[in-house]
Amino acid sequence: MSQEPPVQIIRSRNRTKTASARMVEGTLVVRVPAGISKEEEQRLVRELMPRVLRKVHRAQGKLPDLKHRAADLNRRYFGGKLKVREVKWVTNQRHRFGSCTPSTGTIRISDRVAAMPGWVLDYVLVHELAHLLQANHSPTFWKLVARYPLTERARGYLIAVGLEGEGEPGDLGDFQADGA
């Protein structure tokens, strides 16, 4: 999702509160209420564009293959010993990047991560894989995550985009495993 499409804004007197966006022949068409400010218009475009692009990429099958990526990370950082039953993209995680259910070996990754650099996706996967061994954010858990050499860089990236807590590892601002 590196290249942004052209944007067409349509101001509508019929709209009073809502905005919508969709792709039309390679152009992002955003419909907004006629009376909003230019600043609010641009905020809506920034908010809606990633959602629409993720939907388009998902429909085109362009999201990275999580199963193979997680298997490679399992081999590299966990000796291939983790039992992962399912790794999948999900669209319903607005406040997390990933979640893990250790009892079933299921990992879910928010489709928002698809728009981030690959090394950030790898960090999110390693983080969730580590929950298969430690269903918490203990020091032992963070030692497992630190096997991934770009952990601090990825956490910094997530902090910079406002999506991970700035405190110590384990603060509630970062990932949470189901039941942890």
Foldseek 3Di string as FASTA:
>chain_A
DPDFFAEDEAEDCVDDDDKDWEDDPRYIYIYDHNPDDPVVVVVVCVVHRLVRVLVVCVVVVNQDDPVVLLQVLCCQQVVSPFDADEEEEDAPDPQAQKAEDLVHNYIYGYSSCSVPDPLLVSLSSQLRSLCNVPQAQDPVSVVSSVSSVCNVVSQVVCVVVPRADPDDGRPPRHDHYVPD
